[in-house]
Structure formats: C-alpha cells, structure tokens
Amino acid sequence: MNESKILIRSCCEDISHLEQINKKLPSEDKILYLSKILKAISDPTRLKILMALLEYEICVGEMVNILKLPQTNVSHQLKILREKGLVSFKKDKKMSFYYICNDEIKDLLIDILKINKV
C-alpha cells in the first residue's frame, strides 16, 4: 500500500479550512460532468464492456457473445458509453469495432482493477 498522506483536519467548531477547501473543489460544471461519467461506468454491463475494451477493439456481435445479452441491449449500452465520450467505433466494411477513446478512463479502469476486495 502507498504511504498515507497526512490529512489536514478541518472542523466548524475548531480550526476551519473552509476557504481553502472550496478553492480546491472543481467547478459545479466539472462535478456534474464527472458524476455523469461515474454513473455511466457504475452500471455492471457498461463496466464489463469497458473492461473488455481495455485491450481489444470489439464488434457488436462479439460483445453480444461476451455479455450473453440481446444485441439491442448491447447496442443501447454502447450508445450510452458513446454519448458520454467513453467509447467510439471504427467502421470496417459492415462491422463497427468499438474501442475506449478516452485515455484517462482507460487509466482509471486499470487502477480500478488493482482493487483487491472481492
């Protein structure tokens, strides 16, 4: 485990660091954007899709085989991930091959896989 950083204690009844805390918080727009991304990732089917895409470009039919779900369900989940800017696709003849198009999300998923609580 990494060395723990010593945290600064802030309390409304003692020493408060409210002003500094508020300065470090992201804007409301950024918070809203991040919460939408995390909501998209938090769905088990979408998370599984993203994990499968970490090292592969996968067509919808193959994703159906991986997830064992109907094609319409898989397409719907991919649409949500596309709308959030997490995945994109490349056309190759009649096939659409999906991939993660956001490197920060890819890094986040790799870090999530390091969590050993299961």
Protein backbone atom coordinates (compact mmCIF):
# COMPACT_ATOMS: atom_id res chain seq x y z
CA MET A 1 0.00 0.00 0.00
CA ASN A 2 1.18 3.55 -0.70
CA GLU A 3 2.34 5.76 2.11
CA SER A 4 -0.57 7.69 3.53
CA LYS A 5 -0.53 11.42 3.15
CA ILE A 6 -1.19 13.25 6.39
CA LEU A 7 -4.54 14.95 6.01
CA ILE A 8 -5.35 18.40 7.31
CA ARG A 9 -8.18 18.36 9.83
CA SER A 10 -10.92 20.96 9.36
CA CYS A 11 -13.79 21.47 11.77
CA CYS A 12 -16.57 24.03 12.02
CA GLU A 13 -16.09 24.17 15.82
CA ASP A 14 -12.30 24.48 15.82
CA ILE A 15 -9.81 25.23 13.06
CA SER A 16 -11.66 25.57 9.80
CA HIS A 17 -10.10 25.44 6.34
CA LEU A 18 -13.37 26.08 4.53
CA GLU A 19 -12.00 28.74 2.19
CA GLN A 20 -9.03 26.60 1.10
CA ILE A 21 -11.26 23.54 0.65
CA ASN A 22 -13.71 25.46 -1.53
CA LYS A 23 -10.85 26.81 -3.68
CA LYS A 24 -9.64 23.26 -4.36
CA LEU A 25 -13.03 21.86 -5.31
CA PRO A 26 -13.77 21.53 -9.04
CA SER A 27 -16.40 23.79 -10.58
CA GLU A 28 -20.06 22.75 -10.44
CA ASP A 29 -19.93 22.03 -14.19
CA LYS A 30 -16.94 19.73 -13.70
CA ILE A 31 -18.65 17.96 -10.77
CA LEU A 32 -21.77 17.41 -12.89
CA TYR A 33 -19.68 16.09 -15.81
CA LEU A 34 -17.72 13.72 -13.56
CA SER A 35 -20.86 12.43 -11.87
CA LYS A 36 -22.36 11.59 -15.28
CA ILE A 37 -19.19 9.72 -16.26
CA LEU A 38 -19.16 7.80 -12.98
CA LYS A 39 -22.84 6.97 -13.36
CA ALA A 40 -22.16 5.56 -16.82
CA ILE A 41 -19.27 3.47 -15.51
CA SER A 42 -21.19 2.28 -12.44
CA ASP A 43 -23.59 0.09 -14.42
CA PRO A 44 -22.27 -3.53 -14.31
CA THR A 45 -22.94 -4.19 -18.00
CA ARG A 46 -21.24 -0.99 -19.12
CA LEU A 47 -18.32 -1.63 -16.77
CA LYS A 48 -17.91 -5.12 -18.24
CA ILE A 49 -17.98 -3.63 -21.75
CA LEU A 50 -15.27 -1.16 -20.81
CA MET A 51 -13.14 -3.85 -19.19
CA ALA A 52 -13.43 -5.99 -22.33
CA LEU A 53 -12.34 -3.00 -24.43
CA LEU A 54 -9.18 -2.35 -22.43
CA GLU A 55 -7.06 -4.38 -24.87
CA TYR A 56 -9.40 -5.04 -27.78
CA GLU A 57 -11.50 -3.39 -30.47
CA ILE A 58 -14.71 -5.43 -30.41
CA CYS A 59 -17.63 -5.58 -32.83
CA VAL A 60 -21.19 -5.52 -31.50
CA GLY A 61 -21.79 -9.19 -32.36
CA GLU A 62 -18.72 -10.28 -30.41
CA MET A 63 -19.81 -8.07 -27.49
CA VAL A 64 -23.19 -9.88 -27.57
CA ASN A 65 -21.26 -13.17 -27.23
CA ILE A 66 -19.18 -11.80 -24.34
CA LEU A 67 -22.13 -10.36 -22.42
CA LYS A 68 -24.67 -13.04 -23.37
CA LEU A 69 -27.29 -10.33 -23.86
CA PRO A 70 -29.55 -9.49 -26.81
CA GLN A 71 -28.00 -7.27 -29.47
CA THR A 72 -30.49 -4.47 -28.76
CA ASN A 73 -29.41 -4.35 -25.09
CA VAL A 74 -25.73 -4.29 -26.01
CA SER A 75 -26.28 -1.56 -28.61
CA HIS A 76 -28.17 0.52 -26.06
CA GLN A 77 -25.33 0.25 -23.52
CA LEU A 78 -22.75 1.13 -26.19
CA LYS A 79 -24.83 4.17 -27.17
CA ILE A 80 -24.75 5.43 -23.58
CA LEU A 81 -20.97 4.99 -23.43
CA ARG A 82 -20.61 6.78 -26.80
CA GLU A 83 -22.78 9.69 -25.63
CA LYS A 84 -20.55 10.13 -22.58
CA GLY A 85 -17.44 10.17 -24.77
CA LEU A 86 -16.03 6.98 -23.29
CA VAL A 87 -16.07 4.79 -26.41
CA SER A 88 -16.09 5.29 -30.14
CA PHE A 89 -16.11 2.96 -33.11
CA LYS A 90 -14.42 2.38 -36.44
CA LYS A 91 -16.31 1.05 -39.43
CA ASP A 92 -14.74 -1.84 -41.31
CA LYS A 93 -17.00 -2.93 -44.14
CA LYS A 94 -20.35 -3.65 -42.43
CA MET A 95 -18.88 -4.05 -38.94
CA SER A 96 -18.46 -1.43 -36.22
CA PHE A 97 -15.50 -2.04 -33.94
CA TYR A 98 -15.74 -0.32 -30.55
CA TYR A 99 -12.80 0.92 -28.51
CA ILE A 100 -12.17 3.14 -25.50
CA CYS A 101 -11.44 6.62 -26.84
CA ASN A 102 -10.60 8.31 -23.55
CA ASP A 103 -7.13 7.55 -22.16
CA GLU A 104 -8.00 8.90 -18.70
CA ILE A 105 -10.90 6.44 -18.48
CA LYS A 106 -8.62 3.62 -19.61
CA ASP A 107 -6.14 4.55 -16.86
CA LEU A 108 -8.96 4.74 -14.31
CA LEU A 109 -10.20 1.26 -15.26
CA ILE A 110 -6.69 -0.17 -14.97
CA ASP A 111 -6.41 1.38 -11.49
CA ILE A 112 -9.84 0.02 -10.51
CA LEU A 113 -8.66 -3.48 -11.43
CA LYS A 114 -5.93 -3.14 -8.78
CA ILE A 115 -8.54 -3.05 -6.00
CA ASN A 116 -8.36 -6.44 -4.31
CA LYS A 117 -11.55 -6.53 -2.24
CA VAL A 118 -13.63 -9.43 -3.59
